[in-house]
Protein backbone atom coordinates (compact mmCIF):
# COMPACT_ATOMS: atom_id res chain seq x y z
CA MET A 1 -57.64 -17.23 -34.31
CA LYS A 2 -56.32 -19.41 -31.49
CA TRP A 3 -52.88 -19.22 -33.08
CA ILE A 4 -53.03 -15.40 -33.03
CA VAL A 5 -54.11 -15.37 -29.36
CA LYS A 6 -51.26 -17.72 -28.37
CA LYS A 7 -48.73 -15.65 -30.29
CA TRP A 8 -49.98 -12.44 -28.66
CA SER A 9 -49.84 -14.04 -25.20
CA LEU A 10 -46.27 -15.19 -25.80
CA PHE A 11 -45.31 -11.66 -26.93
CA VAL A 12 -46.83 -10.11 -23.78
CA LEU A 13 -45.03 -12.66 -21.60
CA ILE A 14 -41.66 -11.90 -23.23
CA VAL A 15 -42.16 -8.14 -22.85
CA PHE A 16 -43.21 -8.49 -19.21
CA SER A 17 -40.22 -10.73 -18.44
CA SER A 18 -37.83 -8.27 -20.12
CA VAL A 19 -39.22 -5.34 -18.13
CA ALA A 20 -39.06 -7.28 -14.87
CA SER A 21 -35.51 -8.38 -15.63
CA ALA A 22 -34.47 -4.80 -16.41
CA GLN A 23 -36.05 -3.56 -13.19
CA LYS A 24 -34.29 -6.24 -11.19
CA SER A 25 -31.00 -5.44 -12.91
CA GLY A 26 -31.55 -1.75 -12.19
CA GLU A 27 -31.95 -2.51 -8.49
CA ASN A 28 -28.41 -3.96 -8.45
CA THR A 29 -26.86 -1.20 -10.53
CA PRO A 30 -24.84 1.24 -8.41
CA GLN A 31 -26.61 4.59 -8.24
CA GLU A 32 -23.60 6.57 -7.03
CA VAL A 33 -19.89 6.38 -7.76
CA PHE A 34 -17.29 7.80 -5.38
CA TYR A 35 -13.69 8.19 -6.45
CA ILE A 36 -10.71 7.27 -4.30
CA LYS A 37 -7.44 8.99 -5.14
CA GLY A 38 -5.12 6.08 -4.50
CA ILE A 39 -1.44 5.22 -4.60
CA LYS A 40 0.05 2.19 -6.33
CA LEU A 41 1.33 0.83 -3.03
CA ALA A 42 -2.23 0.20 -1.80
CA ASP A 43 -3.98 -0.59 -5.10
CA GLY A 44 -4.42 -4.32 -4.51
CA LEU A 45 -5.94 -3.87 -1.06
CA LEU A 46 -8.20 -1.02 -2.19
CA LYS A 47 -9.51 -3.02 -5.15
CA LYS A 48 -10.33 -5.95 -2.88
CA TRP A 49 -12.14 -3.71 -0.42
CA ILE A 50 -14.15 -2.10 -3.22
CA SER A 51 -15.08 -5.50 -4.67
CA GLU A 52 -16.21 -6.94 -1.36
CA TYR A 53 -18.08 -3.82 -0.26
CA THR A 54 -19.93 -3.47 -3.57
CA GLU A 55 -21.23 -7.04 -3.23
CA ILE A 56 -23.04 -6.19 0.00
CA HIS A 57 -23.86 -2.57 -0.98
CA PRO A 58 -24.68 -2.62 -4.70
CA GLU A 59 -26.37 0.76 -4.43
CA VAL A 60 -22.98 2.48 -4.21
CA SER A 61 -19.69 2.05 -6.02
CA PHE A 62 -16.11 3.18 -5.45
CA SER A 63 -13.47 3.59 -8.12
CA ILE A 64 -9.73 4.31 -7.90
CA VAL A 65 -8.34 7.31 -9.77
CA GLY A 66 -4.70 8.25 -10.33
CA GLY A 67 -2.55 10.71 -8.47
CA ASN A 68 -3.30 13.55 -10.92
CA ALA A 69 -7.06 13.41 -10.41
CA GLN A 70 -8.67 16.68 -9.36
CA GLU A 71 -12.03 15.33 -8.24
CA TYR A 72 -12.32 12.59 -5.64
CA ALA A 73 -14.24 11.76 -2.48
CA ILE A 74 -11.31 10.53 -0.40
CA GLU A 75 -7.56 10.21 -0.80
CA VAL A 76 -5.08 7.57 0.33
CA LEU A 77 -1.70 8.80 1.54
CA PRO A 78 1.27 7.29 3.36
CA SER A 79 2.25 8.74 6.69
CA LEU A 80 5.33 10.91 6.35
CA LYS A 81 7.20 12.69 9.11
CA LYS A 82 5.42 15.96 9.82
CA GLU A 83 7.62 18.41 7.99
CA ASN A 84 4.79 20.84 7.35
CA GLU A 85 2.41 21.28 10.27
CA GLU A 86 0.28 23.82 8.39
CA GLU A 87 -0.40 21.30 5.61
CA GLU A 88 -1.50 18.74 8.20
CA GLN A 89 -3.95 21.23 9.69
CA THR A 90 -5.67 21.89 6.34
CA ARG A 91 -6.96 18.32 6.22
CA SER A 92 -10.41 17.68 7.64
CA ALA A 93 -9.63 14.20 8.94
CA ILE A 94 -6.91 11.59 8.63
CA VAL A 95 -8.02 7.99 9.18
CA PRO A 96 -5.21 5.37 9.30
CA PHE A 97 -6.28 1.91 8.11
CA GLY A 98 -3.06 -0.14 8.13
CA LYS A 99 0.71 -0.02 7.77
CA TYR A 100 3.26 -0.74 5.08
CA ALA A 101 6.80 -2.08 5.59
CA ILE A 102 9.89 -1.81 3.37
CA LEU A 103 12.89 -4.16 3.21
CA PRO A 104 16.17 -4.02 1.21
CA ILE A 105 16.50 -6.66 -1.52
CA ALA A 106 18.86 -7.96 -4.19
CA GLY A 107 18.77 -10.58 -6.94
CA LYS A 108 19.48 -14.19 -5.94
CA ASP A 109 22.63 -14.19 -8.13
CA ASN A 110 24.05 -11.00 -6.66
CA VAL A 111 27.84 -11.27 -6.34
CA LEU A 112 27.79 -9.32 -3.06
CA LEU A 113 25.52 -11.63 -1.08
CA ASN A 114 28.40 -13.30 0.76
CA GLU A 115 29.75 -9.87 1.70
CA PHE A 116 26.34 -8.85 3.01
CA ARG A 117 26.04 -12.03 5.05
CA LYS A 118 29.45 -11.46 6.63
CA LYS A 119 28.75 -7.81 7.35
CA LYS A 120 25.04 -7.28 7.83
CA LEU A 121 23.56 -3.84 7.30
CA ASN A 122 23.41 -1.66 10.40
CA GLU A 123 22.04 1.87 10.11
CA LYS A 124 25.35 3.42 9.04
CA ARG A 125 26.12 0.75 6.45
CA LEU A 126 22.57 0.93 5.11
CA LYS A 127 22.76 4.72 4.71
CA ASP A 128 26.20 4.44 3.08
CA LEU A 129 24.82 1.81 0.72
CA PHE A 130 21.75 3.67 -0.48
CA PHE A 131 22.32 7.40 0.05
CA GLU A 132 24.76 9.97 -1.24
CA LYS A 133 27.11 11.14 1.50
CA ASP A 134 26.62 14.66 2.81
CA LEU A 135 29.41 16.83 1.44
CA LEU A 136 29.66 18.57 4.81
CA SER A 137 29.92 15.29 6.69
CA GLU A 138 32.82 15.04 9.11
CA ASP A 139 33.03 11.27 8.68
CA GLU A 140 36.23 9.72 7.45
CA PRO A 141 36.65 9.57 3.65
CA GLU A 142 34.78 6.64 2.16
CA LYS A 143 37.00 3.62 1.59
CA LYS A 144 37.29 2.21 -1.87
CA LYS A 145 34.74 -0.56 -2.31
CA LYS A 146 35.77 -4.05 -3.30
CA PHE A 147 32.85 -4.26 -5.75
CA ASP A 148 30.84 -1.70 -7.67
CA LEU A 149 27.21 -1.46 -6.66
CA ASN A 150 24.16 -0.33 -8.62
CA VAL A 151 21.39 1.14 -6.49
CA TYR A 152 17.90 1.23 -8.04
CA SER A 153 15.04 3.41 -6.82
CA GLY A 154 11.67 4.57 -8.14
CA ILE A 155 11.10 8.03 -9.55
CA ASN A 156 7.29 8.21 -9.44
CA THR A 157 5.57 10.55 -6.99
CA TYR A 158 4.21 7.75 -4.81
CA SER A 159 7.06 5.28 -5.16
CA VAL A 160 8.25 3.59 -1.98
CA SER A 161 11.51 5.46 -2.61
CA HIS A 162 10.01 8.57 -1.00
CA LEU A 163 8.89 6.55 2.01
CA PHE A 164 12.22 4.78 2.36
CA ALA A 165 14.24 8.00 2.16
CA ASN A 166 11.89 9.82 4.55
CA HIS A 167 12.26 7.09 7.17
CA TYR A 168 16.02 7.63 7.29
CA GLY A 169 15.76 11.42 7.28
CA TYR A 170 16.73 12.04 3.65
CA GLU A 171 15.15 13.70 0.65
CA VAL A 172 14.46 11.22 -2.14
CA ASN A 173 16.98 12.96 -4.43
CA ARG A 174 19.75 11.80 -2.08
CA LEU A 175 19.27 8.18 -3.13
CA LYS A 176 22.19 6.87 -5.14
CA GLY A 177 22.11 5.20 -8.51
CA LYS A 178 19.60 4.58 -11.24
CA LYS A 179 16.00 5.79 -11.27
CA ILE A 180 13.29 3.46 -12.53
CA ILE A 181 10.16 4.85 -14.19
CA GLY A 182 6.93 2.94 -13.65
CA ASP A 183 5.50 0.61 -11.05
CA ASP A 184 7.67 -0.34 -8.07
CA SER A 185 7.53 -3.97 -9.21
CA PHE A 186 10.07 -2.89 -11.84
CA LEU A 187 12.60 -2.47 -9.02
CA ASN A 188 12.46 -6.24 -8.50
CA ASN A 189 13.07 -6.83 -12.20
CA ALA A 190 16.07 -4.49 -12.19
CA VAL A 191 17.96 -6.35 -9.44
CA LYS A 192 17.09 -9.76 -10.89
CA LYS A 193 18.94 -8.79 -14.06
CA ASP A 194 21.83 -6.97 -12.37
CA THR A 195 24.21 -9.17 -10.37
CA ALA A 196 25.52 -6.06 -8.61
CA GLY A 197 22.14 -4.39 -8.09
CA VAL A 198 20.39 -3.55 -4.81
CA THR A 199 17.08 -1.88 -4.04
CA PHE A 200 14.21 -1.96 -1.52
CA ASN A 201 10.49 -2.54 -1.78
CA SER A 202 7.26 -2.97 0.15
CA LEU A 203 6.20 -6.38 1.48
CA SER A 204 3.37 -6.49 -1.06
CA HIS A 205 5.94 -6.36 -3.89
CA ILE A 206 8.64 -8.49 -2.28
CA PHE A 207 6.41 -11.47 -1.47
CA ASN A 208 4.11 -13.54 -3.65
CA LEU A 209 0.67 -12.91 -2.14
CA GLU A 210 -0.55 -16.40 -3.04
CA SER A 211 2.38 -18.60 -1.96
CA ARG A 212 3.36 -16.16 0.86
CA GLN A 213 7.01 -16.75 -0.07
CA LEU A 214 9.57 -14.36 -1.58
CA ASN A 215 9.01 -13.60 -5.22
CA GLU A 216 11.17 -15.76 -7.44
CA GLY A 217 14.64 -14.43 -8.13
CA ILE A 218 15.03 -12.02 -5.21
CA VAL A 219 16.50 -12.27 -1.70
CA LEU A 220 16.43 -10.10 1.39
CA ILE A 221 19.64 -8.26 2.21
CA PRO A 222 20.58 -9.29 5.79
CA LEU A 223 20.09 -6.64 8.46
CA ASP A 224 22.07 -6.23 11.67
CA ILE A 225 19.17 -6.88 14.04
CA LYS A 226 18.51 -9.21 16.98
CA LYS A 227 19.18 -12.84 16.17
CA GLU A 228 15.60 -13.93 16.85
CA TYR A 229 14.26 -11.25 14.48
CA ALA A 230 16.78 -12.15 11.78
CA GLU A 231 15.79 -15.82 12.04
CA ILE A 232 12.16 -14.93 11.35
CA LEU A 233 13.13 -12.90 8.27
CA ASP A 234 15.30 -15.81 7.15
CA GLU A 235 12.16 -17.95 7.01
CA LYS A 236 11.16 -15.85 3.98
CA ASN A 237 7.49 -16.13 4.86
CA LEU A 238 5.15 -13.16 4.49
CA ASP A 239 2.84 -14.02 7.38
CA GLU A 240 5.72 -14.59 9.81
CA THR A 241 7.30 -11.31 8.70
CA ILE A 242 4.03 -9.41 9.19
CA LEU A 243 3.56 -10.94 12.64
CA LEU A 244 7.09 -9.89 13.63
CA LEU A 245 6.60 -6.31 12.47
CA GLU A 246 3.22 -6.03 14.14
CA ASN A 247 4.68 -6.96 17.48
CA LYS A 248 8.22 -5.56 17.38
CA ASN A 249 9.52 -2.12 16.51
CA ILE A 250 12.72 -2.57 14.48
CA ASP A 251 14.35 0.78 13.71
CA LEU A 252 16.10 -0.49 10.58
CA ILE A 253 12.80 -1.47 8.95
CA PRO A 254 10.51 1.36 7.82
CA VAL A 255 6.99 0.64 9.08
CA GLU A 256 4.56 3.54 8.71
CA GLU A 257 0.82 4.10 8.47
CA LEU A 258 -1.36 4.36 5.40
CA ALA A 259 -4.39 6.57 5.84
CA PHE A 260 -7.54 7.90 4.23
CA VAL A 261 -7.57 11.68 4.03
CA LEU A 262 -11.04 13.21 4.03
CA PRO A 263 -12.03 16.59 2.57
CA ASP A 264 -14.03 19.19 4.49
CA LYS A 265 -17.28 17.84 3.06
CA VAL A 266 -17.73 14.09 2.97
CA ASP A 267 -20.76 12.01 1.98
CA SER A 268 -22.33 9.70 4.57
CA LYS A 269 -21.93 6.75 2.16
CA VAL A 270 -18.18 7.34 2.17
CA ILE A 271 -18.23 7.26 5.97
CA ASP A 272 -20.16 3.97 5.81
CA PHE A 273 -17.43 2.53 3.57
CA LEU A 274 -14.69 3.64 5.97
CA GLU A 275 -16.57 2.10 8.90
CA TRP A 276 -16.62 -1.20 7.01
CA VAL A 277 -12.90 -0.92 6.16
CA LEU A 278 -12.06 -0.50 9.86
CA SER A 279 -14.15 -3.54 10.83
CA GLU A 280 -14.85 -6.34 8.31
CA GLY A 281 -12.33 -4.91 5.85
CA GLN A 282 -9.45 -5.58 8.23
CA ASP A 283 -9.72 -9.29 7.33
CA TYR A 284 -7.92 -8.52 4.03
CA VAL A 285 -5.03 -6.39 5.34
CA HIS A 286 -2.61 -9.29 5.90
CA LYS A 287 -3.62 -11.04 2.70
CA TYR A 288 -2.40 -8.10 0.64
CA GLY A 289 0.93 -7.72 2.44
CA PHE A 290 0.11 -5.00 4.95
CA ILE A 291 0.35 -4.72 8.71
CA GLN A 292 -2.71 -4.17 10.85
CA LEU A 293 -3.01 -1.26 13.23
CA ASP A 294 -2.62 -2.20 16.87
CA LYS A 295 -5.94 -2.78 18.66
CA LYS A 296 -5.83 0.53 20.52
CA THR A 297 -5.22 2.61 17.39
CA LEU A 298 -7.83 0.66 15.42
CA SER A 299 -10.39 1.21 18.18
CA GLN A 300 -9.57 4.93 18.25
CA GLN A 301 -10.12 5.19 14.50
CA GLN A 302 -13.44 3.37 14.74
CA VAL A 303 -14.57 5.84 17.39
CA HIS A 304 -13.21 8.68 15.24
CA ILE A 305 -15.26 7.59 12.23
CA SER A 306 -18.41 7.18 14.35
CA GLY A 307 -17.89 10.69 15.64
CA LEU A 308 -17.54 12.07 12.11
CA LYS A 309 -20.74 10.30 11.12
CA ASN A 310 -22.66 11.67 14.08
CA LYS A 311 -21.37 15.17 13.34
CA LEU A 312 -22.37 14.82 9.71
CA PHE A 313 -25.94 13.87 10.57
CA ALA A 314 -26.16 16.58 13.25
CA ASN A 315 -25.37 19.23 10.66
CA ARG A 316 -28.16 18.14 8.34
């Protein structure tokens, strides 16, 4: 009889513990999932933000969906020159959260590196290097080049190729050379293998995010900029490069904003996430190869988000 009582007590204890454990686990299970329509350029930073935010707010979860997704709570887009004012006006709110930068690169064994060092890229040489010449251009006929060049660019919708071309006032289809399908990291691979290949990429792809040095096998193509700026780029250090581009506007280097785009109706939990991104979340911007907004712009966006939150609650 005692044996039966002990066995029954043990069974009850196990059941009770299992229920308690399940309840505790349920408390930490996200109750809501919100989808972010992201772009590859910002994937690393977004994933880090989601991971860190979920740790302190387990009741909610965010997940990244691809560019073809039809349902999402917020979208991430790069800032392009306003070519369509009407399209801009259809968006409920645009909330910048950082900036990307793009630099021209080649493989370390590129046969043209000495030529580039002797004649650094100014705006005209850079455009001549990467873009097809306008047939109606009145410039002198292009001189025969000493070496053949292979230009590589991305073909995906959100490749940095669009951002690079836009910065210099071109459509992406005006880029010369070979088109690479897939992630922009493949652009690095292409010029590593091609001793006459050139391309461009974002800081987050050019630099190793752990060592903060250039990724193995690639080099920066020298730009015709102020000596003190060039010396900083020559250091080949991500943090020094970011610091330079945060404090100096260099026309030859595309530096533009990345932003969250909000729909007409947005959940308060999404607003809470954006508030965190613009405060504690800024600690991770540099780590993932991006440039922080200047203090004034960041402050304006924080006020903007607070205003959206207040408006949201007022309408309830």
